Full PDB file with SEQRES, HELIX, SHEET, SSBOND, CRYST1, ORIGX, SCALE, CONECT and MASTER records, all heavy atoms in Angstrom:
SEQRES   1 A   31  TRP ASP GLY LEU LEU GLY ASP THR SER VAL TYR SER ASP          
SEQRES   2 A   31  SER ALA LYS GLY ARG PHE THR VAL SER ARG ASP ASN SER          
SEQRES   3 A   31  LYS ASP THR ILE PHE                                          
HELIX    1 AA1 GLY A    3  LEU A    5  5                                   3    
SHEET    1 AA1 2 ARG A  23  ASP A  24  0                                        
SHEET    2 AA1 2 THR A  29  ILE A  30 -1                                        
CRYST1    1.000    1.000    1.000  90.00  90.00  90.00 P 1           1          
ORIGX1      1.000000  0.000000  0.000000        0.00000                         
ORIGX2      0.000000  1.000000  0.000000        0.00000                         
ORIGX3      0.000000  0.000000  1.000000        0.00000                         
SCALE1      1.000000  0.000000  0.000000        0.00000                         
SCALE2      0.000000  1.000000  0.000000        0.00000                         
SCALE3      0.000000  0.000000  1.000000        0.00000                         
ATOM      1  N   TRP A   1    -121.303 -70.749-177.955  1.00  0.00           N  
ATOM      2  CA  TRP A   1    -121.756 -72.135-177.843  1.00  0.00           C  
ATOM      3  C   TRP A   1    -122.575 -72.486-179.075  1.00  0.00           C  
ATOM      4  O   TRP A   1    -123.522 -71.803-179.424  1.00  0.00           O  
ATOM      5  CB  TRP A   1    -122.606 -72.308-176.585  1.00  0.00           C  
ATOM      6  CG  TRP A   1    -123.171 -73.680-176.438  1.00  0.00           C  
ATOM      7  CD1 TRP A   1    -124.469 -74.067-176.589  1.00  0.00           C  
ATOM      8  CD2 TRP A   1    -122.435 -74.868-176.124  1.00  0.00           C  
ATOM      9  NE1 TRP A   1    -124.589 -75.413-176.385  1.00  0.00           N  
ATOM     10  CE2 TRP A   1    -123.371 -75.934-176.097  1.00  0.00           C  
ATOM     11  CE3 TRP A   1    -121.090 -75.139-175.859  1.00  0.00           C  
ATOM     12  CZ2 TRP A   1    -122.980 -77.252-175.818  1.00  0.00           C  
ATOM     13  CZ3 TRP A   1    -120.721 -76.439-175.576  1.00  0.00           C  
ATOM     14  CH2 TRP A   1    -121.656 -77.467-175.563  1.00  0.00           C  
ATOM     15  N   ASP A   2    -122.174 -73.559-179.738  1.00  0.00           N  
ATOM     16  CA  ASP A   2    -122.798 -73.916-181.006  1.00  0.00           C  
ATOM     17  C   ASP A   2    -123.421 -75.308-180.955  1.00  0.00           C  
ATOM     18  O   ASP A   2    -123.388 -76.040-181.934  1.00  0.00           O  
ATOM     19  CB  ASP A   2    -121.757 -73.843-182.132  1.00  0.00           C  
ATOM     20  CG  ASP A   2    -122.409 -73.683-183.487  1.00  0.00           C  
ATOM     21  OD1 ASP A   2    -123.644 -73.564-183.546  1.00  0.00           O  
ATOM     22  OD2 ASP A   2    -121.679 -73.704-184.499  1.00  0.00           O  
ATOM     23  N   GLY A   3    -124.001 -75.673-179.811  1.00  0.00           N  
ATOM     24  CA  GLY A   3    -124.694 -76.948-179.709  1.00  0.00           C  
ATOM     25  C   GLY A   3    -123.766 -78.120-179.954  1.00  0.00           C  
ATOM     26  O   GLY A   3    -122.787 -78.315-179.239  1.00  0.00           O  
ATOM     27  N   LEU A   4    -124.039 -78.893-180.990  1.00  0.00           N  
ATOM     28  CA  LEU A   4    -123.275 -80.093-181.276  1.00  0.00           C  
ATOM     29  C   LEU A   4    -121.811 -79.797-181.560  1.00  0.00           C  
ATOM     30  O   LEU A   4    -120.938 -80.625-181.312  1.00  0.00           O  
ATOM     31  CB  LEU A   4    -123.899 -80.835-182.463  1.00  0.00           C  
ATOM     32  CG  LEU A   4    -125.283 -81.448-182.221  1.00  0.00           C  
ATOM     33  CD1 LEU A   4    -125.816 -82.063-183.497  1.00  0.00           C  
ATOM     34  CD2 LEU A   4    -125.218 -82.482-181.107  1.00  0.00           C  
ATOM     35  N   LEU A   5    -121.529 -78.635-182.109  1.00  0.00           N  
ATOM     36  CA  LEU A   5    -120.156 -78.288-182.453  1.00  0.00           C  
ATOM     37  C   LEU A   5    -119.362 -77.812-181.254  1.00  0.00           C  
ATOM     38  O   LEU A   5    -118.140 -77.672-181.332  1.00  0.00           O  
ATOM     39  CB  LEU A   5    -120.145 -77.212-183.539  1.00  0.00           C  
ATOM     40  CG  LEU A   5    -120.724 -77.597-184.898  1.00  0.00           C  
ATOM     41  CD1 LEU A   5    -120.706 -76.401-185.844  1.00  0.00           C  
ATOM     42  CD2 LEU A   5    -119.949 -78.755-185.500  1.00  0.00           C  
ATOM     43  N   GLY A   6    -120.042 -77.545-180.139  1.00  0.00           N  
ATOM     44  CA  GLY A   6    -119.339 -77.005-178.984  1.00  0.00           C  
ATOM     45  C   GLY A   6    -119.023 -75.542-179.194  1.00  0.00           C  
ATOM     46  O   GLY A   6    -119.785 -74.823-179.823  1.00  0.00           O  
ATOM     47  N   ASP A   7    -117.893 -75.103-178.677  1.00  0.00           N  
ATOM     48  CA  ASP A   7    -117.519 -73.704-178.781  1.00  0.00           C  
ATOM     49  C   ASP A   7    -116.928 -73.389-180.146  1.00  0.00           C  
ATOM     50  O   ASP A   7    -116.140 -74.160-180.696  1.00  0.00           O  
ATOM     51  CB  ASP A   7    -116.476 -73.356-177.714  1.00  0.00           C  
ATOM     52  CG  ASP A   7    -117.111 -72.989-176.389  1.00  0.00           C  
ATOM     53  OD1 ASP A   7    -118.306 -72.642-176.367  1.00  0.00           O  
ATOM     54  OD2 ASP A   7    -116.397 -73.034-175.372  1.00  0.00           O  
ATOM     55  N   THR A   8    -117.298 -72.264-180.683  1.00  0.00           N  
ATOM     56  CA  THR A   8    -116.617 -71.706-181.848  1.00  0.00           C  
ATOM     57  C   THR A   8    -116.072 -70.342-181.466  1.00  0.00           C  
ATOM     58  O   THR A   8    -116.615 -69.672-180.582  1.00  0.00           O  
ATOM     59  CB  THR A   8    -117.567 -71.565-183.051  1.00  0.00           C  
ATOM     60  OG1 THR A   8    -118.676 -70.748-182.670  1.00  0.00           O  
ATOM     61  CG2 THR A   8    -118.083 -72.913-183.498  1.00  0.00           C  
ATOM     62  N   SER A   9    -114.992 -69.946-182.093  1.00  0.00           N  
ATOM     63  CA  SER A   9    -114.329 -68.693-181.747  1.00  0.00           C  
ATOM     64  C   SER A   9    -114.445 -67.708-182.897  1.00  0.00           C  
ATOM     65  O   SER A   9    -114.396 -68.089-184.072  1.00  0.00           O  
ATOM     66  CB  SER A   9    -112.850 -68.944-181.456  1.00  0.00           C  
ATOM     67  OG  SER A   9    -112.697 -69.884-180.418  1.00  0.00           O  
ATOM     68  N   VAL A  10    -114.601 -66.451-182.545  1.00  0.00           N  
ATOM     69  CA  VAL A  10    -114.714 -65.376-183.525  1.00  0.00           C  
ATOM     70  C   VAL A  10    -113.777 -64.255-183.088  1.00  0.00           C  
ATOM     71  O   VAL A  10    -113.661 -63.962-181.888  1.00  0.00           O  
ATOM     72  CB  VAL A  10    -116.167 -64.854-183.595  1.00  0.00           C  
ATOM     73  CG1 VAL A  10    -116.262 -63.673-184.544  1.00  0.00           C  
ATOM     74  CG2 VAL A  10    -117.110 -65.969-184.046  1.00  0.00           C  
ATOM     75  N   TYR A  11    -113.119 -63.643-184.051  1.00  0.00           N  
ATOM     76  CA  TYR A  11    -112.145 -62.597-183.761  1.00  0.00           C  
ATOM     77  C   TYR A  11    -112.393 -61.367-184.622  1.00  0.00           C  
ATOM     78  O   TYR A  11    -112.856 -61.475-185.762  1.00  0.00           O  
ATOM     79  CB  TYR A  11    -110.723 -63.104-184.027  1.00  0.00           C  
ATOM     80  CG  TYR A  11    -110.317 -64.276-183.181  1.00  0.00           C  
ATOM     81  CD1 TYR A  11    -110.519 -65.578-183.602  1.00  0.00           C  
ATOM     82  CD2 TYR A  11    -109.734 -64.077-181.924  1.00  0.00           C  
ATOM     83  CE1 TYR A  11    -110.160 -66.662-182.810  1.00  0.00           C  
ATOM     84  CE2 TYR A  11    -109.364 -65.149-181.129  1.00  0.00           C  
ATOM     85  CZ  TYR A  11    -109.586 -66.439-181.582  1.00  0.00           C  
ATOM     86  OH  TYR A  11    -109.225 -67.506-180.790  1.00  0.00           O  
ATOM     87  N   SER A  12    -112.031 -60.218-184.071  1.00  0.00           N  
ATOM     88  CA  SER A  12    -112.005 -59.019-184.889  1.00  0.00           C  
ATOM     89  C   SER A  12    -110.816 -59.105-185.834  1.00  0.00           C  
ATOM     90  O   SER A  12    -109.894 -59.897-185.630  1.00  0.00           O  
ATOM     91  CB  SER A  12    -111.872 -57.785-183.997  1.00  0.00           C  
ATOM     92  OG  SER A  12    -110.597 -57.775-183.371  1.00  0.00           O  
ATOM     93  N   ASP A  13    -110.820 -58.287-186.846  1.00  0.00           N  
ATOM     94  CA  ASP A  13    -109.694 -58.288-187.789  1.00  0.00           C  
ATOM     95  C   ASP A  13    -108.397 -57.936-187.080  1.00  0.00           C  
ATOM     96  O   ASP A  13    -107.337 -58.488-187.395  1.00  0.00           O  
ATOM     97  CB  ASP A  13    -109.962 -57.300-188.926  1.00  0.00           C  
ATOM     98  CG  ASP A  13    -111.024 -57.802-189.887  1.00  0.00           C  
ATOM     99  OD1 ASP A  13    -111.324 -59.023-189.868  1.00  0.00           O  
ATOM    100  OD2 ASP A  13    -111.573 -56.980-190.640  1.00  0.00           O  
ATOM    101  N   SER A  14    -108.464 -57.023-186.119  1.00  0.00           N  
ATOM    102  CA  SER A  14    -107.240 -56.604-185.433  1.00  0.00           C  
ATOM    103  C   SER A  14    -106.691 -57.693-184.515  1.00  0.00           C  
ATOM    104  O   SER A  14    -105.499 -57.726-184.233  1.00  0.00           O  
ATOM    105  CB  SER A  14    -107.486 -55.323-184.645  1.00  0.00           C  
ATOM    106  OG  SER A  14    -108.421 -55.543-183.611  1.00  0.00           O  
ATOM    107  N   ALA A  15    -107.557 -58.571-184.053  1.00  0.00           N  
ATOM    108  CA  ALA A  15    -107.141 -59.626-183.123  1.00  0.00           C  
ATOM    109  C   ALA A  15    -106.758 -60.917-183.842  1.00  0.00           C  
ATOM    110  O   ALA A  15    -105.985 -61.723-183.287  1.00  0.00           O  
ATOM    111  CB  ALA A  15    -108.256 -59.916-182.132  1.00  0.00           C  
ATOM    112  N   LYS A  16    -107.263 -61.113-185.018  1.00  0.00           N  
ATOM    113  CA  LYS A  16    -107.046 -62.361-185.746  1.00  0.00           C  
ATOM    114  C   LYS A  16    -105.560 -62.618-185.961  1.00  0.00           C  
ATOM    115  O   LYS A  16    -104.813 -61.747-186.406  1.00  0.00           O  
ATOM    116  CB  LYS A  16    -107.780 -62.291-187.087  1.00  0.00           C  
ATOM    117  CG  LYS A  16    -108.176 -63.619-187.671  1.00  0.00           C  
ATOM    118  CD  LYS A  16    -109.084 -63.419-188.879  1.00  0.00           C  
ATOM    119  CE  LYS A  16    -110.403 -62.802-188.503  1.00  0.00           C  
ATOM    120  NZ  LYS A  16    -111.306 -62.631-189.674  1.00  0.00           N  
ATOM    121  N   GLY A  17    -105.119 -63.814-185.625  1.00  0.00           N  
ATOM    122  CA  GLY A  17    -103.722 -64.180-185.795  1.00  0.00           C  
ATOM    123  C   GLY A  17    -102.824 -63.800-184.636  1.00  0.00           C  
ATOM    124  O   GLY A  17    -101.690 -64.276-184.546  1.00  0.00           O  
ATOM    125  N   ARG A  18    -103.294 -62.936-183.750  1.00  0.00           N  
ATOM    126  CA  ARG A  18    -102.468 -62.525-182.601  1.00  0.00           C  
ATOM    127  C   ARG A  18    -103.073 -62.935-181.267  1.00  0.00           C  
ATOM    128  O   ARG A  18    -102.359 -63.186-180.305  1.00  0.00           O  
ATOM    129  CB  ARG A  18    -102.276 -60.997-182.600  1.00  0.00           C  
ATOM    130  CG  ARG A  18    -101.566 -60.442-183.815  1.00  0.00           C  
ATOM    131  CD  ARG A  18    -101.232 -58.964-183.627  1.00  0.00           C  
ATOM    132  NE  ARG A  18    -102.423 -58.154-183.436  1.00  0.00           N  
ATOM    133  CZ  ARG A  18    -102.615 -57.334-182.404  1.00  0.00           C  
ATOM    134  NH1 ARG A  18    -101.687 -57.202-181.486  1.00  0.00           N  
ATOM    135  NH2 ARG A  18    -103.721 -56.612-182.318  1.00  0.00           N  
ATOM    136  N   PHE A  19    -104.403 -62.963-181.204  1.00  0.00           N  
ATOM    137  CA  PHE A  19    -105.094 -63.276-179.956  1.00  0.00           C  
ATOM    138  C   PHE A  19    -105.776 -64.636-180.064  1.00  0.00           C  
ATOM    139  O   PHE A  19    -106.203 -65.043-181.146  1.00  0.00           O  
ATOM    140  CB  PHE A  19    -106.163 -62.221-179.656  1.00  0.00           C  
ATOM    141  CG  PHE A  19    -105.644 -60.831-179.371  1.00  0.00           C  
ATOM    142  CD1 PHE A  19    -104.298 -60.522-179.432  1.00  0.00           C  
ATOM    143  CD2 PHE A  19    -106.536 -59.821-179.025  1.00  0.00           C  
ATOM    144  CE1 PHE A  19    -103.830 -59.246-179.171  1.00  0.00           C  
ATOM    145  CE2 PHE A  19    -106.087 -58.542-178.758  1.00  0.00           C  
ATOM    146  CZ  PHE A  19    -104.740 -58.248-178.841  1.00  0.00           C  
ATOM    147  N   THR A  20    -105.893 -65.305-178.923  1.00  0.00           N  
ATOM    148  CA  THR A  20    -106.605 -66.575-178.862  1.00  0.00           C  
ATOM    149  C   THR A  20    -107.565 -66.542-177.689  1.00  0.00           C  
ATOM    150  O   THR A  20    -107.159 -66.264-176.556  1.00  0.00           O  
ATOM    151  CB  THR A  20    -105.630 -67.752-178.688  1.00  0.00           C  
ATOM    152  OG1 THR A  20    -104.694 -67.763-179.767  1.00  0.00           O  
ATOM    153  CG2 THR A  20    -106.393 -69.071-178.672  1.00  0.00           C  
ATOM    154  N   VAL A  21    -108.821 -66.828-177.957  1.00  0.00           N  
ATOM    155  CA  VAL A  21    -109.837 -66.878-176.910  1.00  0.00           C  
ATOM    156  C   VAL A  21    -110.200 -68.336-176.669  1.00  0.00           C  
ATOM    157  O   VAL A  21    -110.279 -69.133-177.601  1.00  0.00           O  
ATOM    158  CB  VAL A  21    -111.087 -66.046-177.297  1.00  0.00           C  
ATOM    159  CG1 VAL A  21    -111.769 -66.589-178.539  1.00  0.00           C  
ATOM    160  CG2 VAL A  21    -112.061 -65.962-176.125  1.00  0.00           C  
ATOM    161  N   SER A  22    -110.385 -68.679-175.410  1.00  0.00           N  
ATOM    162  CA  SER A  22    -110.735 -70.057-175.072  1.00  0.00           C  
ATOM    163  C   SER A  22    -111.549 -70.070-173.791  1.00  0.00           C  
ATOM    164  O   SER A  22    -111.556 -69.104-173.026  1.00  0.00           O  
ATOM    165  CB  SER A  22    -109.484 -70.918-174.921  1.00  0.00           C  
ATOM    166  OG  SER A  22    -108.656 -70.420-173.889  1.00  0.00           O  
ATOM    167  N   ARG A  23    -112.198 -71.189-173.575  1.00  0.00           N  
ATOM    168  CA  ARG A  23    -113.039 -71.329-172.381  1.00  0.00           C  
ATOM    169  C   ARG A  23    -112.706 -72.649-171.706  1.00  0.00           C  
ATOM    170  O   ARG A  23    -112.573 -73.674-172.370  1.00  0.00           O  
ATOM    171  CB  ARG A  23    -114.516 -71.300-172.788  1.00  0.00           C  
ATOM    172  CG  ARG A  23    -115.449 -71.572-171.646  1.00  0.00           C  
ATOM    173  CD  ARG A  23    -116.916 -71.473-171.888  1.00  0.00           C  
ATOM    174  NE  ARG A  23    -117.456 -71.401-173.186  1.00  0.00           N  
ATOM    175  CZ  ARG A  23    -118.604 -70.745-173.447  1.00  0.00           C  
ATOM    176  NH1 ARG A  23    -119.225 -70.118-172.477  1.00  0.00           N  
ATOM    177  NH2 ARG A  23    -119.094 -70.733-174.674  1.00  0.00           N  
ATOM    178  N   ASP A  24    -112.585 -72.617-170.392  1.00  0.00           N  
ATOM    179  CA  ASP A  24    -112.383 -73.816-169.590  1.00  0.00           C  
ATOM    180  C   ASP A  24    -113.558 -73.922-168.634  1.00  0.00           C  
ATOM    181  O   ASP A  24    -113.582 -73.254-167.592  1.00  0.00           O  
ATOM    182  CB  ASP A  24    -111.055 -73.735-168.836  1.00  0.00           C  
ATOM    183  CG  ASP A  24    -110.728 -75.009-168.068  1.00  0.00           C  
ATOM    184  OD1 ASP A  24    -111.653 -75.829-167.856  1.00  0.00           O  
ATOM    185  OD2 ASP A  24    -109.568 -75.192-167.677  1.00  0.00           O  
ATOM    186  N   ASN A  25    -114.530 -74.740-169.002  1.00  0.00           N  
ATOM    187  CA  ASN A  25    -115.740 -74.830-168.171  1.00  0.00           C  
ATOM    188  C   ASN A  25    -115.476 -75.487-166.825  1.00  0.00           C  
ATOM    189  O   ASN A  25    -116.226 -75.282-165.876  1.00  0.00           O  
ATOM    190  CB  ASN A  25    -116.840 -75.574-168.921  1.00  0.00           C  
ATOM    191  CG  ASN A  25    -117.603 -74.675-169.890  1.00  0.00           C  
ATOM    192  OD1 ASN A  25    -117.601 -73.454-169.742  1.00  0.00           O  
ATOM    193  ND2 ASN A  25    -118.237 -75.270-170.880  1.00  0.00           N  
ATOM    194  N   SER A  26    -114.417 -76.285-166.721  1.00  0.00           N  
ATOM    195  CA  SER A  26    -114.106 -76.903-165.424  1.00  0.00           C  
ATOM    196  C   SER A  26    -113.687 -75.845-164.404  1.00  0.00           C  
ATOM    197  O   SER A  26    -113.793 -76.053-163.195  1.00  0.00           O  
ATOM    198  CB  SER A  26    -112.997 -77.946-165.584  1.00  0.00           C  
ATOM    199  OG  SER A  26    -111.770 -77.326-165.910  1.00  0.00           O  
ATOM    200  N   LYS A  27    -113.224 -74.699-164.912  1.00  0.00           N  
ATOM    201  CA  LYS A  27    -112.818 -73.598-164.037  1.00  0.00           C  
ATOM    202  C   LYS A  27    -113.738 -72.395-164.183  1.00  0.00           C  
ATOM    203  O   LYS A  27    -113.488 -71.359-163.558  1.00  0.00           O  
ATOM    204  CB  LYS A  27    -111.382 -73.181-164.367  1.00  0.00           C  
ATOM    205  CG  LYS A  27    -110.353 -74.281-164.188  1.00  0.00           C  
ATOM    206  CD  LYS A  27    -108.964 -73.808-164.588  1.00  0.00           C  
ATOM    207  CE  LYS A  27    -107.947 -74.928-164.435  1.00  0.00           C  
ATOM    208  NZ  LYS A  27    -106.593 -74.509-164.859  1.00  0.00           N  
ATOM    209  N   ASP A  28    -114.760 -72.523-165.020  1.00  0.00           N  
ATOM    210  CA  ASP A  28    -115.678 -71.399-165.280  1.00  0.00           C  
ATOM    211  C   ASP A  28    -114.893 -70.143-165.641  1.00  0.00           C  
ATOM    212  O   ASP A  28    -115.191 -69.044-165.155  1.00  0.00           O  
ATOM    213  CB  ASP A  28    -116.577 -71.147-164.064  1.00  0.00           C  
ATOM    214  CG  ASP A  28    -117.602 -72.249-163.862  1.00  0.00           C  
ATOM    215  OD1 ASP A  28    -118.065 -72.822-164.874  1.00  0.00           O  
ATOM    216  OD2 ASP A  28    -117.935 -72.553-162.699  1.00  0.00           O  
ATOM    217  N   THR A  29    -113.906 -70.312-166.465  1.00  0.00           N  
ATOM    218  CA  THR A  29    -113.005 -69.213-166.805  1.00  0.00           C  
ATOM    219  C   THR A  29    -112.835 -69.126-168.319  1.00  0.00           C  
ATOM    220  O   THR A  29    -112.740 -70.149-169.003  1.00  0.00           O  
ATOM    221  CB  THR A  29    -111.641 -69.397-166.134  1.00  0.00           C  
ATOM    222  OG1 THR A  29    -111.830 -69.478-164.711  1.00  0.00           O  
ATOM    223  CG2 THR A  29    -110.719 -68.218-166.439  1.00  0.00           C  
ATOM    224  N   ILE A  30    -112.806 -67.894-168.795  1.00  0.00           N  
ATOM    225  CA  ILE A  30    -112.566 -67.621-170.200  1.00  0.00           C  
ATOM    226  C   ILE A  30    -111.238 -66.889-170.293  1.00  0.00           C  
ATOM    227  O   ILE A  30    -110.962 -65.992-169.485  1.00  0.00           O  
ATOM    228  CB  ILE A  30    -113.695 -66.759-170.800  1.00  0.00           C  
ATOM    229  CG1 ILE A  30    -115.028 -67.492-170.665  1.00  0.00           C  
ATOM    230  CG2 ILE A  30    -113.429 -66.433-172.255  1.00  0.00           C  
ATOM    231  CD1 ILE A  30    -115.753 -67.290-169.357  1.00  0.00           C  
ATOM    232  N   PHE A  31    -110.430 -67.269-171.249  1.00  0.00           N  
ATOM    233  CA  PHE A  31    -109.094 -66.704-171.374  1.00  0.00           C  
ATOM    234  C   PHE A  31    -108.957 -65.917-172.675  1.00  0.00           C  
ATOM    235  O   PHE A  31    -109.583 -66.246-173.686  1.00  0.00           O  
ATOM    236  CB  PHE A  31    -108.045 -67.823-171.357  1.00  0.00           C  
ATOM    237  CG  PHE A  31    -108.101 -68.684-170.132  1.00  0.00           C  
ATOM    238  CD1 PHE A  31    -108.778 -69.890-170.141  1.00  0.00           C  
ATOM    239  CD2 PHE A  31    -107.476 -68.286-168.957  1.00  0.00           C  
ATOM    240  CE1 PHE A  31    -108.838 -70.693-169.013  1.00  0.00           C  
ATOM    241  CE2 PHE A  31    -107.523 -69.083-167.827  1.00  0.00           C  
ATOM    242  CZ  PHE A  31    -108.216 -70.281-167.847  1.00  0.00           C  
TER     243      PHE A  31                                                      
MASTER        0    0    0    1    2    0    0    6  242    1    0    3          
END                                                                             
């Protein structure tokens, strides 16, 4: 959580380009 910017995503080198992380606060779920 980055305040005004909302969510920002960070990845390991091994995950970058293959994995996607996201959050849906309406469902309190992170994917």
